[in-house]
Amino acid sequence: MAIDLDQLRTFVAVAEAQSLTRATETLHLSLPAVSRRLSALEDELGVALLARSTRRVALTQTGREFLPRARRLLDELEESLLGIRETAARRRGLVTIACIPTAAYYFLPATLADFARRFPNVRVRVMDLSADGVTDAVATGGVEFGIGMEGAVHPEVEFRPLRRDPFVLACRRDHPLAKKRSLRWADLQNETLVGVSRRSGNRLILDRALLPRGIQPNWRYEAEHLSTSLGLVEAGLGVAVVPRLALPRDPHPVLVARPLTDPKIERATGVVLRRGAVPGPAARALLDLLEHRMVRA
């Protein structure tokens, strides 16, 4: 099979830019040259990777599956060129990981600072994804490992829980519920609730715990991301049920969190690994630091 690295780089650039024209600027190539490389790659693979229109390009289903593998191939080549001896000694290289936003906010900054002090020549690429996105990235080999949460299941992936975090009520400091030290789900019956999308792993955990008990919260607003939910709460549109990790680490001038019980619901956060895969030396060092910080936090 005569696939070359220039074809892979071109495919990744076009996929990320979602535009042939923008990709030509990144690659410093003419539009015909980019088109020729893409056509040669698709001809060699025998499948269409991109659906082209006059204004933009979009990945086909095969293209979406191939993209993380192409990135992985390019990353591995780059790591090899940086020096196999130094990479093995964990002194140089590139580590790509996937992480859910709450874990990225709480654990990654301090961990990466520690990692940089120990391995100043190792670069780290972080993909900020949903729980399902983390699982898919690990399963396809697009990342060395992931930090995700329970719920997402894939035959090629194993989940190693490291900590459990409770769901709490987030409200404004001037909200009547903020005066209570703790709350029950029954206390939210007449409140305007801000929830997350049904596609969210957090929503799945809540539904699994509440529906068997006959508790059906009336979510007035639904958001794709926890940060958006908190923004709506801060604006005074309602109160939200979120994992404790979703709230700022330090006291917030507007928002407060209150324990939520009856039932108390928790989610497990941990490491997502590809079955049978062994992280490289640099990735293993970063994983060890993350595991230590998550368990102790």
C-alpha atoms as a PDB file:
ATOM      1  CA  MET A   1       0.000   0.000   0.000  1.00  0.00           C
ATOM      2  CA  ALA A   2       1.599   3.257  -1.174  1.00  0.00           C
ATOM      3  CA  ILE A   3       0.348   5.740   1.438  1.00  0.00           C
ATOM      4  CA  ASP A   4       2.854   8.448   2.299  1.00  0.00           C
ATOM      5  CA  LEU A   5       3.107  10.853   5.220  1.00  0.00           C
ATOM      6  CA  ASP A   6       2.321  13.913   3.110  1.00  0.00           C
ATOM      7  CA  GLN A   7      -1.058  12.391   2.274  1.00  0.00           C
ATOM      8  CA  LEU A   8      -1.786  11.736   5.952  1.00  0.00           C
ATOM      9  CA  ARG A   9      -0.736  15.252   6.969  1.00  0.00           C
ATOM     10  CA  THR A  10      -2.937  16.720   4.252  1.00  0.00           C
ATOM     11  CA  PHE A  11      -5.937  14.650   5.294  1.00  0.00           C
ATOM     12  CA  VAL A  12      -5.559  15.645   8.967  1.00  0.00           C
ATOM     13  CA  ALA A  13      -5.133  19.325   8.077  1.00  0.00           C
ATOM     14  CA  VAL A  14      -8.233  19.362   5.866  1.00  0.00           C
ATOM     15  CA  ALA A  15     -10.285  17.438   8.446  1.00  0.00           C
ATOM     16  CA  GLU A  16      -9.334  19.856  11.220  1.00  0.00           C
ATOM     17  CA  ALA A  17      -9.896  22.962   9.091  1.00  0.00           C
ATOM     18  CA  GLN A  18     -13.075  21.563   7.462  1.00  0.00           C
ATOM     19  CA  SER A  19     -12.034  23.542   4.432  1.00  0.00           C
ATOM     20  CA  LEU A  20      -9.668  22.906   1.533  1.00  0.00           C
ATOM     21  CA  THR A  21      -8.843  26.597   1.282  1.00  0.00           C
ATOM     22  CA  ARG A  22      -7.919  26.976   4.952  1.00  0.00           C
ATOM     23  CA  ALA A  23      -5.881  23.777   4.772  1.00  0.00           C
ATOM     24  CA  THR A  24      -3.834  25.171   1.869  1.00  0.00           C
ATOM     25  CA  GLU A  25      -2.779  28.064   4.146  1.00  0.00           C
ATOM     26  CA  THR A  26      -1.698  25.671   6.895  1.00  0.00           C
ATOM     27  CA  LEU A  27       0.158  23.356   4.539  1.00  0.00           C
ATOM     28  CA  HIS A  28       1.542  26.115   2.280  1.00  0.00           C
ATOM     29  CA  LEU A  29       0.324  24.230  -0.760  1.00  0.00           C
ATOM     30  CA  SER A  30      -1.837  25.078  -3.746  1.00  0.00           C
ATOM     31  CA  LEU A  31      -5.445  23.926  -3.871  1.00  0.00           C
ATOM     32  CA  PRO A  32      -4.773  21.460  -6.732  1.00  0.00           C
ATOM     33  CA  ALA A  33      -1.863  19.941  -4.772  1.00  0.00           C
ATOM     34  CA  VAL A  34      -4.071  19.396  -1.706  1.00  0.00           C
ATOM     35  CA  SER A  35      -6.813  17.853  -3.858  1.00  0.00           C
ATOM     36  CA  ARG A  36      -4.323  15.508  -5.548  1.00  0.00           C
ATOM     37  CA  ARG A  37      -2.993  14.256  -2.208  1.00  0.00           C
ATOM     38  CA  LEU A  38      -6.475  13.613  -0.884  1.00  0.00           C
ATOM     39  CA  SER A  39      -7.572  11.814  -4.038  1.00  0.00           C
ATOM     40  CA  ALA A  40      -4.430   9.658  -3.985  1.00  0.00           C
ATOM     41  CA  LEU A  41      -5.049   8.700  -0.360  1.00  0.00           C
ATOM     42  CA  GLU A  42      -8.700   7.828  -1.011  1.00  0.00           C
ATOM     43  CA  ASP A  43      -7.765   5.848  -4.126  1.00  0.00           C
ATOM     44  CA  GLU A  44      -5.176   3.872  -2.187  1.00  0.00           C
ATOM     45  CA  LEU A  45      -7.608   3.114   0.633  1.00  0.00           C
ATOM     46  CA  GLY A  46     -10.479   2.450  -1.728  1.00  0.00           C
ATOM     47  CA  VAL A  47     -12.932   4.565   0.305  1.00  0.00           C
ATOM     48  CA  ALA A  48     -14.115   8.169   0.471  1.00  0.00           C
ATOM     49  CA  LEU A  49     -12.815   9.989   3.546  1.00  0.00           C
ATOM     50  CA  LEU A  50     -14.298  13.402   2.799  1.00  0.00           C
ATOM     51  CA  ALA A  51     -17.566  14.658   1.356  1.00  0.00           C
ATOM     52  CA  ARG A  52     -16.748  17.782  -0.639  1.00  0.00           C
ATOM     53  CA  SER A  53     -19.026  20.681  -1.533  1.00  0.00           C
ATOM     54  CA  THR A  54     -18.358  24.091  -3.032  1.00  0.00           C
ATOM     55  CA  ARG A  55     -18.100  25.734   0.398  1.00  0.00           C
ATOM     56  CA  ARG A  56     -16.782  23.143   2.836  1.00  0.00           C
ATOM     57  CA  VAL A  57     -15.739  19.564   3.332  1.00  0.00           C
ATOM     58  CA  ALA A  58     -17.069  17.106   5.907  1.00  0.00           C
ATOM     59  CA  LEU A  59     -15.773  13.775   7.116  1.00  0.00           C
ATOM     60  CA  THR A  60     -17.577  10.651   6.009  1.00  0.00           C
ATOM     61  CA  GLN A  61     -18.200   7.960   8.621  1.00  0.00           C
ATOM     62  CA  THR A  62     -15.039   6.191   7.460  1.00  0.00           C
ATOM     63  CA  GLY A  63     -13.173   9.486   7.613  1.00  0.00           C
ATOM     64  CA  ARG A  64     -14.252  10.061  11.224  1.00  0.00           C
ATOM     65  CA  GLU A  65     -12.980   6.607  12.151  1.00  0.00           C
ATOM     66  CA  PHE A  66      -9.715   7.071  10.263  1.00  0.00           C
ATOM     67  CA  LEU A  67      -8.873  10.561  11.619  1.00  0.00           C
ATOM     68  CA  PRO A  68      -7.661   9.532  15.119  1.00  0.00           C
ATOM     69  CA  ARG A  69      -5.607   6.744  13.567  1.00  0.00           C
ATOM     70  CA  ALA A  70      -3.971   9.147  11.137  1.00  0.00           C
ATOM     71  CA  ARG A  71      -3.149  11.510  13.995  1.00  0.00           C
ATOM     72  CA  ARG A  72      -1.727   8.614  15.934  1.00  0.00           C
ATOM     73  CA  LEU A  73       0.514   7.548  13.050  1.00  0.00           C
ATOM     74  CA  LEU A  74       1.862  11.071  12.651  1.00  0.00           C
ATOM     75  CA  ASP A  75       2.435  11.446  16.395  1.00  0.00           C
ATOM     76  CA  GLU A  76       4.293   8.162  16.576  1.00  0.00           C
ATOM     77  CA  LEU A  77       6.512   9.154  13.688  1.00  0.00           C
ATOM     78  CA  GLU A  78       7.270  12.499  15.296  1.00  0.00           C
ATOM     79  CA  GLU A  79       8.074  10.804  18.584  1.00  0.00           C
ATOM     80  CA  SER A  80      10.401   8.380  16.814  1.00  0.00           C
ATOM     81  CA  LEU A  81      12.197  11.181  15.012  1.00  0.00           C
ATOM     82  CA  LEU A  82      12.743  13.013  18.300  1.00  0.00           C
ATOM     83  CA  GLY A  83      14.996  10.146  19.324  1.00  0.00           C
ATOM     84  CA  ILE A  84      14.053   6.650  20.370  1.00  0.00           C
ATOM     85  CA  ARG A  85      16.616   6.571  23.159  1.00  0.00           C
ATOM     86  CA  GLU A  86      15.484   9.789  24.778  1.00  0.00           C
ATOM     87  CA  THR A  87      11.835   8.838  24.371  1.00  0.00           C
ATOM     88  CA  ALA A  88      12.467   5.523  26.115  1.00  0.00           C
ATOM     89  CA  ALA A  89      14.150   7.420  28.928  1.00  0.00           C
ATOM     90  CA  ARG A  90      11.064   9.681  29.141  1.00  0.00           C
ATOM     91  CA  ARG A  91      13.083  12.817  28.352  1.00  0.00           C
ATOM     92  CA  ARG A  92      11.554  13.728  25.001  1.00  0.00           C
ATOM     93  CA  GLY A  93       8.440  12.991  22.998  1.00  0.00           C
ATOM     94  CA  LEU A  94       4.754  13.736  22.727  1.00  0.00           C
ATOM     95  CA  VAL A  95       1.906  12.442  24.896  1.00  0.00           C
ATOM     96  CA  THR A  96      -1.693  12.791  23.724  1.00  0.00           C
ATOM     97  CA  ILE A  97      -4.485  12.263  26.248  1.00  0.00           C
ATOM     98  CA  ALA A  98      -8.253  12.765  26.384  1.00  0.00           C
ATOM     99  CA  CYS A  99     -10.032  14.196  29.419  1.00  0.00           C
ATOM    100  CA  ILE A 100     -13.517  15.199  30.508  1.00  0.00           C
ATOM    101  CA  PRO A 101     -13.725  18.959  31.237  1.00  0.00           C
ATOM    102  CA  THR A 102     -14.275  18.711  35.002  1.00  0.00           C
ATOM    103  CA  ALA A 103     -11.232  16.493  35.504  1.00  0.00           C
ATOM    104  CA  ALA A 104      -9.206  18.697  33.168  1.00  0.00           C
ATOM    105  CA  TYR A 105     -10.083  21.740  35.253  1.00  0.00           C
ATOM    106  CA  TYR A 106      -9.395  20.180  38.647  1.00  0.00           C
ATOM    107  CA  PHE A 107      -6.474  17.819  38.124  1.00  0.00           C
ATOM    108  CA  LEU A 108      -4.637  18.622  34.913  1.00  0.00           C
ATOM    109  CA  PRO A 109      -3.068  22.086  35.490  1.00  0.00           C
ATOM    110  CA  ALA A 110      -1.123  21.175  38.646  1.00  0.00           C
ATOM    111  CA  THR A 111      -0.293  17.734  37.265  1.00  0.00           C
ATOM    112  CA  LEU A 112       1.031  19.125  33.994  1.00  0.00           C
ATOM    113  CA  ALA A 113       3.111  21.703  35.868  1.00  0.00           C
ATOM    114  CA  ASP A 114       4.688  18.906  37.914  1.00  0.00           C
ATOM    115  CA  PHE A 115       5.199  16.808  34.787  1.00  0.00           C
ATOM    116  CA  ALA A 116       6.855  19.722  32.953  1.00  0.00           C
ATOM    117  CA  ARG A 117       9.332  20.198  35.799  1.00  0.00           C
ATOM    118  CA  ARG A 118      10.318  16.533  35.618  1.00  0.00           C
ATOM    119  CA  PHE A 119      10.245  16.133  31.827  1.00  0.00           C
ATOM    120  CA  PRO A 120      10.699  19.593  30.271  1.00  0.00           C
ATOM    121  CA  ASN A 121      11.169  18.250  26.735  1.00  0.00           C
ATOM    122  CA  VAL A 122       8.017  16.122  26.601  1.00  0.00           C
ATOM    123  CA  ARG A 123       5.084  17.858  24.956  1.00  0.00           C
ATOM    124  CA  VAL A 124       1.506  17.109  26.006  1.00  0.00           C
ATOM    125  CA  ARG A 125      -1.592  17.358  23.820  1.00  0.00           C
ATOM    126  CA  VAL A 126      -4.927  17.399  25.683  1.00  0.00           C
ATOM    127  CA  MET A 127      -8.215  16.599  23.928  1.00  0.00           C
ATOM    128  CA  ASP A 128     -11.096  18.061  25.946  1.00  0.00           C
ATOM    129  CA  LEU A 129     -13.983  15.658  25.254  1.00  0.00           C
ATOM    130  CA  SER A 130     -17.232  14.283  26.633  1.00  0.00           C
ATOM    131  CA  ALA A 131     -17.188  10.958  28.495  1.00  0.00           C
ATOM    132  CA  ASP A 132     -18.213   9.095  25.331  1.00  0.00           C
ATOM    133  CA  GLY A 133     -15.634  11.051  23.346  1.00  0.00           C
ATOM    134  CA  VAL A 134     -12.885  10.042  25.774  1.00  0.00           C
ATOM    135  CA  THR A 135     -13.887   6.385  25.449  1.00  0.00           C
ATOM    136  CA  ASP A 136     -13.940   6.552  21.641  1.00  0.00           C
ATOM    137  CA  ALA A 137     -10.567   8.316  21.488  1.00  0.00           C
ATOM    138  CA  VAL A 138      -8.974   5.643  23.664  1.00  0.00           C
ATOM    139  CA  ALA A 139     -10.662   2.785  21.773  1.00  0.00           C
ATOM    140  CA  THR A 140      -9.474   4.000  18.379  1.00  0.00           C
ATOM    141  CA  GLY A 141      -5.918   4.618  19.582  1.00  0.00           C
ATOM    142  CA  GLY A 142      -6.127   8.365  19.044  1.00  0.00           C
ATOM    143  CA  VAL A 143      -4.760   8.981  22.556  1.00  0.00           C
ATOM    144  CA  GLU A 144      -2.460   7.157  24.976  1.00  0.00           C
ATOM    145  CA  PHE A 145      -5.073   7.133  27.738  1.00  0.00           C
ATOM    146  CA  GLY A 146      -8.078   9.073  28.993  1.00  0.00           C
ATOM    147  CA  ILE A 147      -9.552  10.497  32.159  1.00  0.00           C
ATOM    148  CA  GLY A 148     -13.287   9.873  32.110  1.00  0.00           C
ATOM    149  CA  MET A 149     -16.183   8.582  34.145  1.00  0.00           C
ATOM    150  CA  GLU A 150     -18.267   5.477  34.559  1.00  0.00           C
ATOM    151  CA  GLY A 151     -21.097   4.718  32.180  1.00  0.00           C
ATOM    152  CA  ALA A 152     -19.428   4.710  28.769  1.00  0.00           C
ATOM    153  CA  VAL A 153     -18.927   1.075  27.700  1.00  0.00           C
ATOM    154  CA  HIS A 154     -16.725  -0.183  24.862  1.00  0.00           C
ATOM    155  CA  PRO A 155     -15.340  -3.704  24.332  1.00  0.00           C
ATOM    156  CA  GLU A 156     -11.861  -2.342  23.569  1.00  0.00           C
ATOM    157  CA  VAL A 157     -11.695  -0.151  26.661  1.00  0.00           C
ATOM    158  CA  GLU A 158     -11.374  -0.676  30.409  1.00  0.00           C
ATOM    159  CA  PHE A 159     -12.288   1.860  33.096  1.00  0.00           C
ATOM    160  CA  ARG A 160     -10.287   2.075  36.330  1.00  0.00           C
ATOM    161  CA  PRO A 161     -12.150   4.147  38.965  1.00  0.00           C
ATOM    162  CA  LEU A 162     -10.022   6.389  41.167  1.00  0.00           C
ATOM    163  CA  ARG A 163     -12.475   8.569  43.096  1.00  0.00           C
ATOM    164  CA  ARG A 164     -16.164   9.170  43.642  1.00  0.00           C
ATOM    165  CA  ASP A 165     -17.736  12.624  43.513  1.00  0.00           C
ATOM    166  CA  PRO A 166     -21.215  13.512  44.792  1.00  0.00           C
ATOM    167  CA  PHE A 167     -23.827  15.388  42.837  1.00  0.00           C
ATOM    168  CA  VAL A 168     -24.706  18.636  44.626  1.00  0.00           C
ATOM    169  CA  LEU A 169     -27.146  21.479  44.197  1.00  0.00           C
ATOM    170  CA  ALA A 170     -25.622  24.640  42.708  1.00  0.00           C
ATOM    171  CA  CYS A 171     -27.502  27.876  43.338  1.00  0.00           C
ATOM    172  CA  ARG A 172     -26.904  31.566  43.795  1.00  0.00           C
ATOM    173  CA  ARG A 173     -25.893  32.808  47.222  1.00  0.00           C
ATOM    174  CA  ASP A 174     -29.070  34.901  47.379  1.00  0.00           C
ATOM    175  CA  HIS A 175     -31.336  31.934  46.572  1.00  0.00           C
ATOM    176  CA  PRO A 176     -33.557  30.684  49.465  1.00  0.00           C
ATOM    177  CA  LEU A 177     -32.093  27.168  49.175  1.00  0.00           C
ATOM    178  CA  ALA A 178     -28.623  28.560  49.899  1.00  0.00           C
ATOM    179  CA  LYS A 179     -29.698  29.081  53.521  1.00  0.00           C
ATOM    180  CA  LYS A 180     -30.033  25.324  54.067  1.00  0.00           C
ATOM    181  CA  ARG A 181     -27.022  23.203  55.030  1.00  0.00           C
ATOM    182  CA  SER A 182     -28.233  20.220  52.999  1.00  0.00           C
ATOM    183  CA  LEU A 183     -31.156  19.349  50.763  1.00  0.00           C
ATOM    184  CA  ARG A 184     -33.234  16.384  49.659  1.00  0.00           C
ATOM    185  CA  TRP A 185     -34.430  15.788  46.128  1.00  0.00           C
ATOM    186  CA  ALA A 186     -37.971  16.395  47.388  1.00  0.00           C
ATOM    187  CA  ASP A 187     -36.921  19.983  48.224  1.00  0.00           C
ATOM    188  CA  LEU A 188     -36.423  20.653  44.501  1.00  0.00           C
ATOM    189  CA  GLN A 189     -39.956  19.750  43.459  1.00  0.00           C
ATOM    190  CA  ASN A 190     -41.085  23.339  42.882  1.00  0.00           C
ATOM    191  CA  GLU A 191     -37.744  24.745  41.716  1.00  0.00           C
ATOM    192  CA  THR A 192     -36.724  25.746  38.212  1.00  0.00           C
ATOM    193  CA  LEU A 193     -34.094  23.148  37.370  1.00  0.00           C
ATOM    194  CA  VAL A 194     -31.197  23.471  34.975  1.00  0.00           C
ATOM    195  CA  GLY A 195     -29.979  20.098  33.708  1.00  0.00           C
ATOM    196  CA  VAL A 196     -27.635  18.665  31.127  1.00  0.00           C
ATOM    197  CA  SER A 197     -28.512  17.002  27.843  1.00  0.00           C
ATOM    198  CA  ARG A 198     -29.903  13.477  27.752  1.00  0.00           C
ATOM    199  CA  ARG A 199     -26.784  12.557  25.778  1.00  0.00           C
ATOM    200  CA  SER A 200     -24.593  13.461  28.748  1.00  0.00           C
ATOM    201  CA  GLY A 201     -23.046  10.748  30.903  1.00  0.00           C
ATOM    202  CA  ASN A 202     -23.956  12.792  33.981  1.00  0.00           C
ATOM    203  CA  ARG A 203     -27.610  12.777  32.977  1.00  0.00           C
ATOM    204  CA  LEU A 204     -27.487   9.006  32.517  1.00  0.00           C
ATOM    205  CA  ILE A 205     -26.138   8.536  36.054  1.00  0.00           C
ATOM    206  CA  LEU A 206     -28.892  10.744  37.503  1.00  0.00           C
ATOM    207  CA  ASP A 207     -31.679   9.017  35.568  1.00  0.00           C
ATOM    208  CA  ARG A 208     -30.490   5.565  36.597  1.00  0.00           C
ATOM    209  CA  ALA A 209     -30.552   6.568  40.264  1.00  0.00           C
ATOM    210  CA  LEU A 210     -33.779   8.568  40.288  1.00  0.00           C
ATOM    211  CA  LEU A 211     -36.229   6.843  37.955  1.00  0.00           C
ATOM    212  CA  PRO A 212     -36.416   3.568  39.972  1.00  0.00           C
ATOM    213  CA  ARG A 213     -37.390   5.710  42.969  1.00  0.00           C
ATOM    214  CA  GLY A 214     -40.153   7.433  41.048  1.00  0.00           C
ATOM    215  CA  ILE A 215     -38.311  10.777  41.068  1.00  0.00           C
ATOM    216  CA  GLN A 216     -38.676  12.613  37.771  1.00  0.00           C
ATOM    217  CA  PRO A 217     -37.114  16.089  37.957  1.00  0.00           C
ATOM    218  CA  ASN A 218     -38.722  18.702  35.748  1.00  0.00           C
ATOM    219  CA  TRP A 219     -35.668  20.046  33.924  1.00  0.00           C
ATOM    220  CA  ARG A 220     -36.747  23.468  32.693  1.00  0.00           C
ATOM    221  CA  TYR A 221     -33.464  24.095  30.881  1.00  0.00           C
ATOM    222  CA  GLU A 222     -31.026  21.620  29.349  1.00  0.00           C
ATOM    223  CA  ALA A 223     -27.454  22.407  28.351  1.00  0.00           C
ATOM    224  CA  GLU A 224     -24.780  20.391  26.593  1.00  0.00           C
ATOM    225  CA  HIS A 225     -22.062  21.270  29.098  1.00  0.00           C
ATOM    226  CA  LEU A 226     -21.916  21.664  32.878  1.00  0.00           C
ATOM    227  CA  SER A 227     -20.236  25.051  32.523  1.00  0.00           C
ATOM    228  CA  THR A 228     -23.250  26.276  30.553  1.00  0.00           C
ATOM    229  CA  SER A 229     -25.589  24.984  33.280  1.00  0.00           C
ATOM    230  CA  LEU A 230     -23.665  26.944  35.896  1.00  0.00           C
ATOM    231  CA  GLY A 231     -23.767  30.031  33.719  1.00  0.00           C
ATOM    232  CA  LEU A 232     -27.563  29.841  33.622  1.00  0.00           C
ATOM    233  CA  VAL A 233     -27.658  29.441  37.401  1.00  0.00           C
ATOM    234  CA  GLU A 234     -25.358  32.417  37.870  1.00  0.00           C
ATOM    235  CA  ALA A 235     -27.711  34.456  35.668  1.00  0.00           C
ATOM    236  CA  GLY A 236     -30.568  33.613  38.040  1.00  0.00           C
ATOM    237  CA  LEU A 237     -32.527  31.325  35.697  1.00  0.00           C
ATOM    238  CA  GLY A 238     -32.723  28.411  38.135  1.00  0.00           C
ATOM    239  CA  VAL A 239     -30.726  25.912  40.186  1.00  0.00           C
ATOM    240  CA  ALA A 240     -28.642  23.016  38.868  1.00  0.00           C
ATOM    241  CA  VAL A 241     -27.615  19.546  39.977  1.00  0.00           C
ATOM    242  CA  VAL A 242     -23.969  18.985  39.050  1.00  0.00           C
ATOM    243  CA  PRO A 243     -20.977  16.920  40.199  1.00  0.00           C
ATOM    244  CA  ARG A 244     -19.045  18.693  42.930  1.00  0.00           C
ATOM    245  CA  LEU A 245     -16.034  18.862  40.605  1.00  0.00           C
ATOM    246  CA  ALA A 246     -17.980  21.054  38.184  1.00  0.00           C
ATOM    247  CA  LEU A 247     -17.942  23.937  40.668  1.00  0.00           C
ATOM    248  CA  PRO A 248     -14.932  26.228  41.157  1.00  0.00           C
ATOM    249  CA  ARG A 249     -12.318  24.972  43.601  1.00  0.00           C
ATOM    250  CA  ASP A 250     -12.207  28.274  45.530  1.00  0.00           C
ATOM    251  CA  PRO A 251     -15.233  30.138  46.989  1.00  0.00           C
ATOM    252  CA  HIS A 252     -17.269  31.720  44.204  1.00  0.00           C
ATOM    253  CA  PRO A 253     -18.657  35.265  44.587  1.00  0.00           C
ATOM    254  CA  VAL A 254     -22.086  34.211  43.251  1.00  0.00           C
ATOM    255  CA  LEU A 255     -22.501  30.420  43.397  1.00  0.00           C
ATOM    256  CA  VAL A 256     -22.639  27.991  46.329  1.00  0.00           C
ATOM    257  CA  ALA A 257     -23.002  24.219  46.546  1.00  0.00           C
ATOM    258  CA  ARG A 258     -25.248  22.328  48.946  1.00  0.00           C
ATOM    259  CA  PRO A 259     -25.200  18.557  49.614  1.00  0.00           C
ATOM    260  CA  LEU A 260     -28.082  16.675  48.018  1.00  0.00           C
ATOM    261  CA  THR A 261     -29.424  13.496  49.621  1.00  0.00           C
ATOM    262  CA  ASP A 262     -32.312  11.051  49.637  1.00  0.00           C
ATOM    263  CA  PRO A 263     -30.891   9.701  47.459  1.00  0.00           C
ATOM    264  CA  LYS A 264     -27.229  10.679  47.532  1.00  0.00           C
ATOM    265  CA  ILE A 265     -25.878  10.163  43.998  1.00  0.00           C
ATOM    266  CA  GLU A 266     -22.216   9.880  43.101  1.00  0.00           C
ATOM    267  CA  ARG A 267     -20.236   9.348  39.935  1.00  0.00           C
ATOM    268  CA  ALA A 268     -16.936   7.523  39.576  1.00  0.00           C
ATOM    269  CA  THR A 269     -14.069   9.301  37.823  1.00  0.00           C
ATOM    270  CA  GLY A 270     -10.973   7.466  36.718  1.00  0.00           C
ATOM    271  CA  VAL A 271      -8.593   6.276  34.029  1.00  0.00           C
ATOM    272  CA  VAL A 272      -9.714   4.963  30.633  1.00  0.00           C
ATOM    273  CA  LEU A 273      -7.279   2.527  29.004  1.00  0.00           C
ATOM    274  CA  ARG A 274      -7.262   0.498  25.801  1.00  0.00           C
ATOM    275  CA  ARG A 275      -7.307  -3.228  26.579  1.00  0.00           C
ATOM    276  CA  GLY A 276      -3.949  -4.844  25.993  1.00  0.00           C
ATOM    277  CA  ALA A 277      -2.204  -1.554  25.209  1.00  0.00           C
ATOM    278  CA  VAL A 278       0.823  -0.431  27.199  1.00  0.00           C
ATOM    279  CA  PRO A 279       1.294   3.355  27.473  1.00  0.00           C
ATOM    280  CA  GLY A 280       4.692   4.625  26.422  1.00  0.00           C
ATOM    281  CA  PRO A 281       7.229   5.667  29.068  1.00  0.00           C
ATOM    282  CA  ALA A 282       6.330   9.359  28.969  1.00  0.00           C
ATOM    283  CA  ALA A 283       2.593   8.604  29.018  1.00  0.00           C
ATOM    284  CA  ARG A 284       3.095   6.191  31.915  1.00  0.00           C
ATOM    285  CA  ALA A 285       4.879   8.892  33.919  1.00  0.00           C
ATOM    286  CA  LEU A 286       2.054  11.368  33.307  1.00  0.00           C
ATOM    287  CA  LEU A 287      -0.555   8.733  34.134  1.00  0.00           C
ATOM    288  CA  ASP A 288       1.154   7.960  37.443  1.00  0.00           C
ATOM    289  CA  LEU A 289       1.120  11.638  38.421  1.00  0.00           C
ATOM    290  CA  LEU A 290      -2.556  12.015  37.480  1.00  0.00           C
ATOM    291  CA  GLU A 291      -3.599   8.910  39.376  1.00  0.00           C
ATOM    292  CA  HIS A 292      -1.767  10.092  42.479  1.00  0.00           C
ATOM    293  CA  ARG A 293      -3.336  13.550  42.369  1.00  0.00           C
ATOM    294  CA  MET A 294      -6.864  12.263  41.708  1.00  0.00           C
ATOM    295  CA  VAL A 295      -6.752   9.782  44.575  1.00  0.00           C
ATOM    296  CA  ARG A 296      -5.410  12.381  47.041  1.00  0.00           C
ATOM    297  CA  ALA A 297      -7.596  15.320  45.928  1.00  0.00           C
END
